[in-house]
Protein backbone atom coordinates (compact mmCIF):
# COMPACT_ATOMS: atom_id res chain seq x y z
CA UNK A 1 -28.44 155.83 19.64
CA UNK A 2 -25.49 154.14 18.03
CA UNK A 3 -27.63 151.08 17.21
CA UNK A 4 -30.34 153.22 15.67
CA UNK A 5 -27.79 155.05 13.57
CA UNK A 6 -26.38 151.79 12.36
CA UNK A 7 -29.85 150.57 11.33
CA UNK A 8 -30.50 153.77 9.39
CA UNK A 9 -27.25 153.37 7.56
CA UNK A 10 -28.18 149.79 6.63
CA UNK A 11 -31.63 150.90 5.34
CA UNK A 12 -30.01 153.48 3.15
CA UNK A 13 -27.61 150.95 1.79
CA UNK A 14 -30.53 148.58 1.03
CA UNK A 15 -32.44 151.40 -0.64
CA UNK A 16 -29.48 152.13 -2.78
CA UNK A 17 -29.23 148.45 -3.64
CA UNK A 18 -32.94 148.28 -4.70
CA UNK A 19 -32.42 150.94 -7.24
CA UNK A 20 -29.86 148.72 -8.99
CA UNK A 21 -31.44 145.36 -8.15
CA UNK A 22 -31.54 144.19 -11.79
CA UNK A 23 -27.95 144.95 -12.43
CA UNK A 24 -27.03 143.78 -8.97
CA UNK A 25 -28.85 140.43 -9.60
CA UNK A 26 -27.08 140.19 -12.84
CA UNK A 27 -23.75 140.38 -11.22
CA UNK A 28 -24.48 138.06 -8.36
CA UNK A 29 -27.16 135.69 -9.88
CA UNK A 30 -24.83 132.79 -10.54
CA UNK A 31 -23.53 132.91 -7.01
CA UNK A 32 -27.03 133.24 -5.60
CA UNK A 33 -28.36 130.32 -7.70
CA UNK A 34 -25.55 128.13 -6.58
CA UNK A 35 -26.19 129.17 -3.03
CA UNK A 36 -29.94 128.37 -3.37
CA UNK A 37 -29.21 125.04 -5.00
CA UNK A 38 -26.90 124.10 -2.22
CA UNK A 39 -29.46 125.28 0.27
CA UNK A 40 -32.32 123.36 -1.39
CA UNK A 41 -30.28 120.17 -1.61
CA UNK A 42 -29.71 120.26 1.98
CA UNK A 43 -33.41 120.92 2.81
CA UNK A 44 -35.62 117.71 2.56
CA UNK A 45 -38.79 117.97 0.31
CA UNK A 46 -42.19 118.15 1.92
CA UNK A 47 -45.02 115.50 1.53
CA UNK A 48 -46.96 117.74 -0.81
CA UNK A 49 -44.01 118.06 -3.11
CA UNK A 50 -43.62 114.26 -3.26
CA UNK A 51 -47.31 113.77 -4.06
CA UNK A 52 -47.22 116.40 -6.80
CA UNK A 53 -44.22 114.71 -8.35
CA UNK A 54 -45.92 111.26 -8.24
CA UNK A 55 -49.16 112.60 -9.77
CA UNK A 56 -47.22 114.26 -12.54
CA UNK A 57 -45.47 111.00 -13.39
CA UNK A 58 -48.78 109.08 -13.24
CA UNK A 59 -50.49 111.60 -15.51
CA UNK A 60 -47.61 111.39 -17.95
CA UNK A 61 -47.84 107.57 -17.94
CA UNK A 62 -51.62 107.61 -18.41
CA UNK A 63 -51.36 110.06 -21.24
CA UNK A 64 -48.86 107.76 -22.91
CA UNK A 65 -51.24 104.81 -22.41
CA UNK A 66 -54.19 106.76 -23.80
CA UNK A 67 -52.12 107.69 -26.81
CA UNK A 68 -51.17 104.05 -27.32
CA UNK A 69 -54.80 102.90 -26.91
CA UNK A 70 -55.97 105.54 -29.35
CA UNK A 71 -53.40 104.25 -31.81
CA UNK A 72 -54.59 100.64 -31.22
CA UNK A 73 -58.21 101.72 -31.60
CA UNK A 74 -57.38 103.42 -34.84
CA UNK A 75 -55.67 100.25 -36.10
CA UNK A 76 -58.57 98.06 -34.87
CA UNK A 77 -61.11 100.23 -36.65
CA UNK A 78 -59.06 100.00 -39.79
CA UNK A 79 -58.82 96.21 -39.43
CA UNK A 80 -62.58 95.94 -38.68
CA UNK A 81 -63.29 97.95 -41.78
CA UNK A 82 -61.09 95.62 -43.80
CA UNK A 83 -62.75 92.53 -42.24
CA UNK A 84 -66.22 93.91 -42.93
CA UNK A 85 -65.24 94.48 -46.50
CA UNK A 86 -63.82 90.93 -46.69
CA UNK A 87 -66.96 89.55 -45.03
CA UNK A 88 -69.17 91.32 -47.57
CA UNK A 89 -66.99 89.92 -50.33
CA UNK A 90 -67.23 86.38 -48.86
CA UNK A 91 -71.01 86.71 -48.43
CA UNK A 92 -71.27 87.71 -52.05
CA UNK A 93 -69.08 84.77 -53.10
CA UNK A 94 -71.16 82.41 -50.91
CA UNK A 95 -74.36 83.76 -52.43
CA UNK A 96 -72.90 83.23 -55.90
CA UNK A 97 -71.85 79.70 -54.96
CA UNK A 98 -75.33 78.90 -53.63
CA UNK A 99 -76.89 80.23 -56.79
CA UNK A 100 -74.42 78.20 -58.83
CA UNK A 101 -75.17 75.16 -56.68
CA UNK A 102 -78.88 75.60 -57.30
CA UNK A 103 -78.23 75.92 -61.02
CA UNK A 104 -75.92 72.88 -61.06
CA UNK A 105 -78.02 70.66 -58.80
CA UNK A 106 -80.47 69.51 -61.50
CA UNK A 107 -77.59 69.01 -63.93
CA UNK A 108 -75.59 67.01 -61.38
CA UNK A 109 -78.64 64.95 -60.47
CA UNK A 110 -79.25 64.30 -64.15
CA UNK A 111 -75.63 63.21 -64.71
CA UNK A 112 -75.68 60.89 -61.68
CA UNK A 113 -79.03 59.35 -62.61
CA UNK A 114 -77.90 58.90 -66.23
CA UNK A 115 -74.74 57.13 -65.07
CA UNK A 116 -76.73 54.91 -62.71
CA UNK A 117 -79.21 54.07 -65.47
CA UNK A 118 -76.37 53.22 -67.86
CA UNK A 119 -74.81 50.89 -65.30
CA UNK A 120 -78.18 49.30 -64.52
CA UNK A 121 -78.93 48.75 -68.21
CA UNK A 122 -75.55 47.05 -68.59
CA UNK A 123 -76.30 44.90 -65.53
CA UNK A 124 -79.69 43.93 -66.96
CA UNK A 125 -78.13 42.98 -70.28
CA UNK A 126 -75.40 40.97 -68.55
CA UNK A 127 -77.94 39.16 -66.34
CA UNK A 128 -80.03 38.15 -69.34
CA UNK A 129 -76.97 37.00 -71.29
CA UNK A 130 -75.84 34.87 -68.33
CA UNK A 131 -79.30 33.32 -68.06
CA UNK A 132 -79.16 32.38 -71.74
CA UNK A 133 -75.71 30.83 -71.34
CA UNK A 134 -76.66 28.95 -68.15
CA UNK A 135 -79.86 27.73 -69.79
CA UNK A 136 -77.82 25.86 -72.38
CA UNK A 137 -75.95 24.02 -69.62
CA UNK A 138 -78.60 23.66 -66.96
CA UNK A 139 -81.96 23.79 -68.74
CA UNK A 140 -84.90 26.00 -69.46
CA UNK A 141 -88.61 26.34 -68.86
CA UNK A 142 -90.66 24.61 -71.52
CA UNK A 143 -94.35 24.94 -72.30
CA UNK A 144 -96.67 21.94 -72.53
CA UNK A 145 -100.02 22.34 -74.23
CA UNK A 146 -102.71 19.79 -73.43
CA UNK A 147 -105.84 20.83 -75.28
CA UNK A 148 -106.73 24.25 -73.94
CA UNK A 149 -104.51 23.86 -70.86
CA UNK A 150 -101.00 25.34 -71.03
CA UNK A 151 -98.51 24.45 -68.31
CA UNK A 152 -94.79 25.01 -67.74
CA UNK A 153 -92.25 22.26 -67.24
CA UNK A 154 -88.50 22.18 -66.73
CA UNK A 155 -86.28 20.75 -69.43
CA UNK A 156 -82.71 19.87 -68.39
CA UNK A 157 -79.79 21.41 -70.28
CA UNK A 158 -76.95 19.53 -71.96
CA UNK A 159 -74.68 19.48 -68.90
CA UNK A 160 -77.34 17.86 -66.72
CA UNK A 161 -78.28 15.46 -69.50
CA UNK A 162 -74.64 14.38 -69.88
CA UNK A 163 -74.27 14.01 -66.13
CA UNK A 164 -77.39 11.90 -65.80
CA UNK A 165 -76.23 9.78 -68.78
CA UNK A 166 -72.91 9.16 -66.99
CA UNK A 167 -74.75 8.15 -63.85
CA UNK A 168 -76.98 5.74 -65.80
CA UNK A 169 -73.89 4.26 -67.49
CA UNK A 170 -72.21 3.76 -64.10
CA UNK A 171 -75.35 2.15 -62.74
CA UNK A 172 -75.46 -0.28 -65.66
CA UNK A 173 -71.75 -1.03 -65.18
CA UNK A 174 -72.29 -1.60 -61.50
CA UNK A 175 -75.16 -4.02 -62.15
CA UNK A 176 -73.05 -5.93 -64.73
CA UNK A 177 -70.09 -6.31 -62.34
CA UNK A 178 -72.39 -7.37 -59.51
CA UNK A 179 -73.97 -10.04 -61.76
CA UNK A 180 -70.54 -11.33 -62.72
CA UNK A 181 -69.47 -11.41 -59.09
CA UNK A 182 -72.61 -13.22 -58.07
CA UNK A 183 -71.96 -15.79 -60.81
CA UNK A 184 -68.39 -16.17 -59.60
CA UNK A 185 -69.57 -16.76 -56.03
CA UNK A 186 -71.93 -19.45 -57.27
CA UNK A 187 -69.10 -21.20 -59.14
CA UNK A 188 -66.95 -21.08 -56.01
CA UNK A 189 -69.65 -22.67 -53.87
CA UNK A 190 -70.38 -25.36 -56.49
CA UNK A 191 -66.69 -26.26 -57.05
CA UNK A 192 -65.59 -26.52 -53.48
CA UNK A 193 -61.87 -27.19 -53.20
CA UNK A 194 -59.59 -27.93 -56.14
CA UNK A 195 -59.98 -27.23 -59.85
CA UNK A 196 -63.18 -26.21 -61.61
CA UNK A 197 -64.20 -29.23 -63.62
CA UNK A 198 -65.54 -27.19 -66.57
CA UNK A 199 -62.93 -24.45 -66.94
CA UNK A 200 -59.95 -25.88 -65.11
CA UNK A 201 -59.61 -22.65 -63.09
CA UNK A 202 -57.79 -22.86 -59.79
CA UNK A 203 -59.42 -21.59 -56.58
CA UNK A 204 -56.76 -18.91 -56.27
CA UNK A 205 -57.75 -17.61 -59.70
CA UNK A 206 -61.35 -17.33 -58.54
CA UNK A 207 -60.29 -15.35 -55.46
CA UNK A 208 -58.21 -13.01 -57.62
CA UNK A 209 -61.17 -12.54 -59.99
CA UNK A 210 -63.40 -11.71 -57.03
CA UNK A 211 -60.91 -9.07 -55.85
CA UNK A 212 -60.90 -7.57 -59.35
CA UNK A 213 -64.71 -7.30 -59.23
CA UNK A 214 -64.63 -5.73 -55.74
CA UNK A 215 -61.98 -3.26 -56.85
CA UNK A 216 -64.06 -2.33 -59.88
CA UNK A 217 -67.18 -1.84 -57.76
CA UNK A 218 -65.24 0.43 -55.37
CA UNK A 219 -63.99 2.45 -58.35
CA UNK A 220 -67.54 2.74 -59.73
CA UNK A 221 -68.77 3.88 -56.32
CA UNK A 222 -66.12 6.66 -56.20
CA UNK A 223 -67.04 7.80 -59.69
CA UNK A 224 -70.71 7.69 -58.79
CA UNK A 225 -70.17 9.79 -55.65
CA UNK A 226 -68.15 12.30 -57.68
CA UNK A 227 -70.90 12.58 -60.31
CA UNK A 228 -73.56 12.87 -57.61
CA UNK A 229 -71.63 15.75 -55.96
CA UNK A 230 -71.36 17.41 -59.35
CA UNK A 231 -75.05 16.86 -59.98
CA UNK A 232 -75.90 18.39 -56.58
CA UNK A 233 -73.78 21.40 -57.53
CA UNK A 234 -75.66 21.65 -60.81
CA UNK A 235 -78.96 21.40 -58.95
CA UNK A 236 -77.94 24.37 -56.77
CA UNK A 237 -76.99 26.31 -59.91
CA UNK A 238 -80.29 25.30 -61.47
CA UNK A 239 -82.15 26.63 -58.42
CA UNK A 240 -80.33 29.98 -58.73
CA UNK A 241 -81.05 30.03 -62.46
CA UNK A 242 -84.77 29.43 -61.91
CA UNK A 243 -84.92 32.24 -59.31
CA UNK A 244 -83.07 34.60 -61.66
CA UNK A 245 -85.42 33.68 -64.53
CA UNK A 246 -88.38 34.50 -62.29
CA UNK A 247 -86.80 37.80 -61.21
CA UNK A 248 -86.17 38.82 -64.83
CA UNK A 249 -89.70 37.86 -65.83
CA UNK A 250 -91.10 39.89 -62.91
CA UNK A 251 -88.86 42.82 -63.84
CA UNK A 252 -89.98 42.73 -67.46
CA UNK A 253 -93.60 42.73 -66.32
CA UNK A 254 -93.21 45.54 -63.76
CA UNK A 255 -94.62 49.00 -64.51
CA UNK A 256 -91.63 50.51 -62.67
CA UNK A 257 -88.96 48.93 -64.89
CA UNK A 258 -88.30 52.12 -66.90
CA UNK A 259 -85.89 53.77 -64.42
CA UNK A 260 -88.30 56.23 -62.84
CA UNK A 261 -87.27 58.80 -60.22
CA UNK A 262 -89.77 58.65 -57.37
CA UNK A 263 -90.61 61.61 -55.15
CA UNK A 264 -87.97 63.68 -57.05
CA UNK A 265 -85.36 61.78 -55.06
CA UNK A 266 -85.19 57.99 -55.49
CA UNK A 267 -83.85 56.67 -58.82
CA UNK A 268 -85.21 53.14 -59.36
CA UNK A 269 -82.63 50.77 -60.84
CA UNK A 270 -83.12 46.97 -60.98
CA UNK A 271 -85.74 44.71 -59.42
CA UNK A 272 -84.51 42.74 -56.40
CA UNK A 273 -87.60 40.62 -55.87
CA UNK A 274 -91.36 40.43 -55.89
CA UNK A 275 -93.81 39.30 -53.21
CA UNK A 276 -97.55 38.93 -53.05
CA UNK A 277 -98.49 42.63 -53.12
CA UNK A 278 -95.11 44.35 -53.37
CA UNK A 279 -91.99 44.75 -55.47
CA UNK A 280 -88.56 45.64 -54.11
CA UNK A 281 -86.21 47.69 -56.28
CA UNK A 282 -82.61 48.62 -55.75
CA UNK A 283 -82.61 52.43 -55.91
CA UNK A 284 -80.34 55.42 -55.35
CA UNK A 285 -81.12 58.29 -53.00
CA UNK A 286 -80.07 61.38 -54.97
CA UNK A 287 -80.25 63.58 -51.86
CA UNK A 288 -78.31 61.47 -49.35
CA UNK A 289 -76.10 59.96 -52.09
CA UNK A 290 -76.59 56.32 -51.06
CA UNK A 291 -78.17 53.13 -52.30
CA UNK A 292 -81.54 52.20 -50.79
CA UNK A 293 -84.22 49.56 -51.30
CA UNK A 294 -87.61 50.86 -52.43
CA UNK A 295 -90.50 48.58 -51.52
CA UNK A 296 -93.44 49.40 -53.78
CA UNK A 297 -96.78 48.37 -52.31
CA UNK A 298 -99.52 47.91 -54.89
CA UNK A 299 -103.19 47.85 -53.98
CA UNK A 300 -105.31 45.70 -56.25
CA UNK A 301 -107.65 47.96 -58.18
CA UNK A 302 -110.36 45.28 -57.81
CA UNK A 303 -110.20 45.41 -54.00
CA UNK A 304 -113.02 47.01 -52.12
CA UNK A 305 -112.32 50.39 -50.56
CA UNK A 306 -112.51 48.78 -47.12
CA UNK A 307 -109.79 46.24 -48.01
CA UNK A 308 -107.57 48.98 -49.46
CA UNK A 309 -107.91 51.07 -46.31
CA UNK A 310 -107.15 48.01 -44.17
CA UNK A 311 -103.97 47.33 -46.16
CA UNK A 312 -102.89 50.99 -45.90
CA UNK A 313 -103.55 51.02 -42.14
CA UNK A 314 -101.47 47.86 -41.81
CA UNK A 315 -98.59 49.39 -43.81
CA UNK A 316 -98.68 52.66 -41.84
CA UNK A 317 -98.69 50.68 -38.61
CA UNK A 318 -95.60 48.75 -39.77
CA UNK A 319 -93.95 52.03 -40.73
CA UNK A 320 -94.68 53.63 -37.36
CA UNK A 321 -93.13 50.63 -35.60
CA UNK A 322 -90.15 50.30 -37.91
CA UNK A 323 -89.16 53.98 -38.31
CA UNK A 324 -88.17 54.29 -34.64
CA UNK A 325 -85.82 51.29 -34.69
CA UNK A 326 -82.14 52.23 -34.86
CA UNK A 327 -79.83 49.24 -34.38
CA UNK A 328 -77.02 47.76 -36.48
CA UNK A 329 -78.76 44.36 -36.59
CA UNK A 330 -82.12 45.77 -37.75
CA UNK A 331 -82.71 47.11 -41.27
CA UNK A 332 -83.37 50.88 -41.13
CA UNK A 333 -86.57 52.35 -42.54
CA UNK A 334 -85.83 55.78 -44.03
CA UNK A 335 -88.98 57.09 -45.69
CA UNK A 336 -92.56 56.47 -46.84
CA UNK A 337 -94.60 58.30 -49.49
CA UNK A 338 -97.53 57.87 -51.85
CA UNK A 339 -96.93 57.26 -55.57
CA UNK A 340 -100.52 57.24 -56.78
CA UNK A 341 -103.98 56.33 -55.55
CA UNK A 342 -103.19 52.59 -55.48
CA UNK A 343 -99.45 52.57 -54.81
CA UNK A 344 -97.13 53.77 -52.06
CA UNK A 345 -93.45 53.25 -51.32
CA UNK A 346 -91.38 52.52 -48.23
CA UNK A 347 -87.64 53.25 -48.44
CA UNK A 348 -85.37 50.84 -46.57
CA UNK A 349 -81.68 50.41 -45.91
CA UNK A 350 -80.07 48.55 -48.82
CA UNK A 351 -78.30 45.28 -47.95
CA UNK A 352 -76.15 44.18 -50.85
CA UNK A 353 -75.66 40.62 -49.57
CA UNK A 354 -78.07 37.70 -49.85
CA UNK A 355 -80.83 36.89 -47.40
CA UNK A 356 -80.49 33.81 -45.18
CA UNK A 357 -82.99 31.92 -47.33
CA UNK A 358 -80.74 32.28 -50.41
CA UNK A 359 -77.68 31.33 -48.33
CA UNK A 360 -79.36 28.12 -47.11
CA UNK A 361 -80.52 27.24 -50.62
CA UNK A 362 -76.92 27.50 -51.84
CA UNK A 363 -75.42 25.85 -48.72
CA UNK A 364 -78.13 23.96 -46.81
CA UNK A 365 -75.82 23.07 -43.90
CA UNK A 366 -73.61 25.79 -42.39
CA UNK A 367 -70.59 25.15 -40.16
CA UNK A 368 -71.53 25.67 -36.52
CA UNK A 369 -69.14 28.60 -36.20
CA UNK A 370 -70.95 30.49 -38.98
CA UNK A 371 -74.43 29.52 -37.77
CA UNK A 372 -73.60 30.61 -34.24
CA UNK A 373 -72.44 34.12 -35.17
CA UNK A 374 -75.58 34.59 -37.27
CA UNK A 375 -77.90 33.57 -34.42
CA UNK A 376 -75.92 35.80 -32.02
CA UNK A 377 -76.55 38.81 -34.28
CA UNK A 378 -80.26 37.95 -34.59
CA UNK A 379 -80.59 37.82 -30.80
CA UNK A 380 -78.76 41.14 -30.41
CA UNK A 381 -81.47 42.67 -32.58
CA UNK A 382 -84.22 40.92 -30.60
CA UNK A 383 -82.73 42.06 -27.27
CA UNK A 384 -82.81 45.66 -28.55
CA UNK A 385 -86.52 45.25 -29.44
CA UNK A 386 -87.22 44.07 -25.89
CA UNK A 387 -85.22 46.74 -24.07
CA UNK A 388 -87.22 49.59 -25.59
CA UNK A 389 -89.87 51.46 -23.63
CA UNK A 390 -92.40 49.87 -26.02
CA UNK A 391 -91.31 46.27 -26.46
CA UNK A 392 -91.80 44.68 -29.88
CA UNK A 393 -92.47 41.05 -30.84
CA UNK A 394 -91.26 40.45 -34.40
CA UNK A 395 -93.53 37.40 -34.91
CA UNK A 396 -92.21 36.55 -38.39
CA UNK A 397 -88.61 35.44 -37.96
CA UNK A 398 -87.64 33.22 -40.89
CA UNK A 399 -84.66 32.92 -43.29
CA UNK A 400 -86.18 35.34 -45.82
CA UNK A 401 -86.38 38.07 -43.16
CA UNK A 402 -82.69 37.98 -42.24
CA UNK A 403 -80.56 40.04 -44.64
CA UNK A 404 -76.80 40.46 -44.93
CA UNK A 405 -74.85 43.56 -45.92
CA UNK A 406 -71.64 43.53 -47.95
CA UNK A 407 -69.59 42.84 -44.80
CA UNK A 408 -71.73 39.87 -43.75
CA UNK A 409 -73.54 41.68 -40.92
CA UNK A 410 -76.95 40.08 -40.30
CA UNK A 411 -79.99 42.38 -40.07
CA UNK A 412 -83.59 41.55 -39.19
CA UNK A 413 -86.25 43.04 -41.47
CA UNK A 414 -90.00 42.98 -42.29
CA UNK A 415 -92.07 44.13 -39.32
CA UNK A 416 -95.36 43.55 -41.12
CA UNK A 417 -96.65 41.09 -38.49
CA UNK A 418 -94.86 42.57 -35.47
CA UNK A 419 -96.71 43.32 -32.23
CA UNK A 420 -96.25 46.24 -29.85
CA UNK A 421 -96.44 45.05 -26.25
CA UNK A 422 -98.54 47.57 -24.32
CA UNK A 423 -97.57 48.65 -20.81
CA UNK A 424 -100.61 47.02 -19.20
CA UNK A 425 -99.82 43.53 -20.56
CA UNK A 426 -99.28 40.99 -17.79
CA UNK A 427 -96.45 38.48 -17.42
CA UNK A 428 -98.36 35.88 -19.50
CA UNK A 429 -98.25 38.09 -22.59
CA UNK A 430 -100.67 39.81 -24.95
CA UNK A 431 -103.57 38.35 -26.90
CA UNK A 432 -102.80 37.08 -30.40
CA UNK A 433 -105.44 38.79 -32.52
CA UNK A 434 -103.94 37.81 -35.91
CA UNK A 435 -104.13 34.04 -35.47
CA UNK A 436 -103.39 32.19 -38.72
CA UNK A 437 -100.81 34.74 -39.89
CA UNK A 438 -97.12 33.99 -40.02
CA UNK A 439 -95.01 31.12 -41.34
CA UNK A 440 -96.09 27.95 -39.56
CA UNK A 441 -92.71 26.12 -39.59
CA UNK A 442 -91.31 28.87 -37.34
CA UNK A 443 -94.23 29.52 -34.95
CA UNK A 444 -94.51 27.96 -31.45
CA UNK A 445 -97.35 25.65 -30.27
CA UNK A 446 -99.22 28.40 -28.37
CA UNK A 447 -99.95 30.19 -31.67
CA UNK A 448 -102.04 27.19 -32.79
CA UNK A 449 -104.26 27.15 -29.70
CA UNK A 450 -107.86 26.99 -30.91
CA UNK A 451 -109.84 26.58 -27.69
CA UNK A 452 -109.05 30.14 -26.54
CA UNK A 453 -107.30 33.29 -27.71
CA UNK A 454 -103.56 32.60 -27.33
CA UNK A 455 -101.37 34.82 -25.16
CA UNK A 456 -98.00 35.58 -26.71
CA UNK A 457 -94.77 37.28 -25.67
CA UNK A 458 -91.19 37.55 -26.89
CA UNK A 459 -91.02 33.78 -26.34
CA UNK A 460 -92.53 33.47 -29.83
CA UNK A 461 -89.33 34.96 -31.27
CA UNK A 462 -87.19 32.69 -29.07
CA UNK A 463 -88.90 29.62 -30.57
CA UNK A 464 -88.53 30.98 -34.13
CA UNK A 465 -84.83 31.68 -33.57
CA UNK A 466 -84.37 28.13 -32.26
CA UNK A 467 -85.93 26.75 -35.47
CA UNK A 468 -83.64 28.98 -37.53
CA UNK A 469 -80.52 27.77 -35.72
CA UNK A 470 -81.55 24.12 -36.10
CA UNK A 471 -82.13 24.66 -39.83
CA UNK A 472 -78.73 26.31 -40.31
CA UNK A 473 -76.97 23.43 -38.53
CA UNK A 474 -78.84 20.43 -39.97
CA UNK A 475 -80.17 21.64 -43.33
CA UNK A 476 -83.84 21.08 -42.46
CA UNK A 477 -86.49 22.34 -40.07
CA UNK A 478 -87.10 20.17 -36.99
CA UNK A 479 -90.90 20.03 -37.40
CA UNK A 480 -92.93 19.65 -40.61
CA UNK A 481 -89.95 20.19 -42.92
CA UNK A 482 -91.54 18.50 -45.94
CA UNK A 483 -95.10 19.57 -45.14
CA UNK A 484 -97.11 22.42 -46.60
CA UNK A 485 -98.60 25.16 -44.43
CA UNK A 486 -102.03 23.66 -44.94
CA UNK A 487 -100.88 20.18 -43.91
CA UNK A 488 -99.10 21.51 -40.81
CA UNK A 489 -102.37 23.10 -39.75
CA UNK A 490 -104.48 20.07 -40.63
CA UNK A 491 -102.26 17.51 -38.89
CA UNK A 492 -101.44 19.68 -35.83
CA UNK A 493 -97.74 19.17 -36.57
CA UNK A 494 -96.50 21.97 -34.31
CA UNK A 495 -98.95 21.20 -31.50
CA UNK A 496 -97.46 17.67 -31.44
CA UNK A 497 -93.86 18.98 -31.48
CA UNK A 498 -93.15 18.23 -27.83
CA UNK A 499 -89.52 17.18 -28.21
CA UNK A 500 -86.79 18.10 -30.68
CA UNK A 501 -84.67 15.27 -32.13
CA UNK A 502 -81.16 15.71 -33.51
CA UNK A 503 -79.69 13.64 -36.36
CA UNK A 504 -76.31 11.97 -35.80
CA UNK A 505 -74.75 13.90 -38.66
CA UNK A 506 -73.48 16.50 -39.09
CA UNK A 507 -71.61 16.63 -35.80
CA UNK A 508 -72.79 19.54 -33.66
CA UNK A 509 -71.61 20.57 -30.18
CA UNK A 510 -73.66 19.65 -27.12
CA UNK A 511 -73.77 23.38 -26.24
CA UNK A 512 -75.59 24.10 -29.51
CA UNK A 513 -78.06 21.26 -28.94
CA UNK A 514 -78.76 22.39 -25.37
CA UNK A 515 -79.30 25.96 -26.59
CA UNK A 516 -81.78 24.77 -29.25
CA UNK A 517 -83.60 22.65 -26.64
CA UNK A 518 -84.01 25.73 -24.43
CA UNK A 519 -85.36 27.76 -27.36
CA UNK A 520 -87.76 24.96 -28.36
CA UNK A 521 -89.13 24.32 -24.87
CA UNK A 522 -92.69 23.17 -25.56
CA UNK A 523 -94.27 24.66 -22.43
CA UNK A 524 -94.54 28.40 -22.96
CA UNK A 525 -94.26 29.13 -19.22
CA UNK A 526 -90.94 27.26 -19.01
CA UNK A 527 -89.45 28.67 -22.20
CA UNK A 528 -87.08 31.63 -21.58
CA UNK A 529 -87.97 35.03 -23.00
CA UNK A 530 -85.64 37.07 -25.22
CA UNK A 531 -83.92 39.01 -22.43
CA UNK A 532 -83.31 35.85 -20.41
CA UNK A 533 -81.87 33.73 -23.21
CA UNK A 534 -79.95 36.76 -24.45
CA UNK A 535 -77.66 36.11 -21.44
CA UNK A 536 -77.14 32.46 -22.45
CA UNK A 537 -73.44 31.40 -22.47
CA UNK A 538 -73.87 30.08 -26.03
CA UNK A 539 -74.58 33.64 -27.21
CA UNK A 540 -71.60 35.06 -25.34
CA UNK A 541 -68.10 35.44 -26.75
CA UNK A 542 -65.12 35.74 -24.42
CA UNK A 543 -61.51 36.44 -25.33
CA UNK A 544 -59.52 33.21 -25.40
């Protein structure tokens, strides 16, 4: 009963407290909060509370990242907009530049071509003035009229006339001294020992007089040799003068001498040379901005249509062979196009140096060191032709078909007679269907076989290169040097060329002679082909 009474009292007290709970909490809230804080700090948090706290932090972090990304995106969009605007501006500028380029292109081409024409005109004028000056010294072409027949003859200039007069004077002097010496010898033999009965001259005086004559003859010989060297130099100059006169005459007679621009691209400048059916002009490629050589092929209007078509087929065949060749020792072929019904043009790499023919005319004998490096370069080109999938025989190697650029690099050109070796050709070679073509001094014996159709291979080019090397070293060809093509054919000169002979002078190494002997092996089966002799030690340079 007491316990129950106590509980009732407590309930009443609690009820009284509820009625004033707000004010009661107000009075005791600080104490209660402190009490709860102390209580909570002493009670460890649950797993759920930890996870909620972690998620809240993660959400806060992600929101911050999203805000940052949104800011970056906003900046990127702004930058993209600026770049697009800049791109449109650049595109407009590029379009304007292209339009300006198109407008300026004809003007620029006109300016370049005008400058080139001005330079070429000056070069033409200078060349003609030099010919006139050299003609006074060296001579000129004169015309002889015999009835209705008019022929040209060479008349020596004053320098050559003076030189020949000096040589004649020395010859007369030499003959006079020799007569006097002969007379003195006779007097010595008649007198014997002692004093000459007629003149009273002592024997010692006669000996001294003889020494004077010998000394004078030696002096005359030195002068004569000097004048002969000078005359040889003049003869070389005369040869160059005659070639330049012919070039100028051909240029004046050419229908392309008025600085035409071919195919809207190639500005013709000055004539380089003229062949049987073609002219070669130095030209400028206005597109690629480089000098080129334009070979203008002219078909004779009197030819039959069949002959014209044959010539065109031949030229296209040469082009198809040549256009695929890319090697630093082979002249590049850049382009081909038609000019009119009877004329077409092939565009070749321009080589500003001379050809080997002009070099040998100016210097008939080259030092072995120079000749060797030239033949090495020729064989590098030939090896390239024979390492291709479709091997090529050049068939017309000669000095005129070896050109030099401004640095002296040798390049093989003119593939007009070249042969493509088909895959089914046996080891003996292919049939020579164009017998009679080529330059006979440089062709091997098998090309002159008449009893059957000859079989040829790259060994033809090996023989030709051997002839070239011999000519560079000794100043003449080994077989038929002074003979015409017709005489070589008539007298079977090459068929009889079984062994090569070497003159005693100039001195040439045994290695060079052995190399030439290998190239000029008479028996075709024993002669090495291009790839074999390309490995020859004579063609190999090693660091010393």
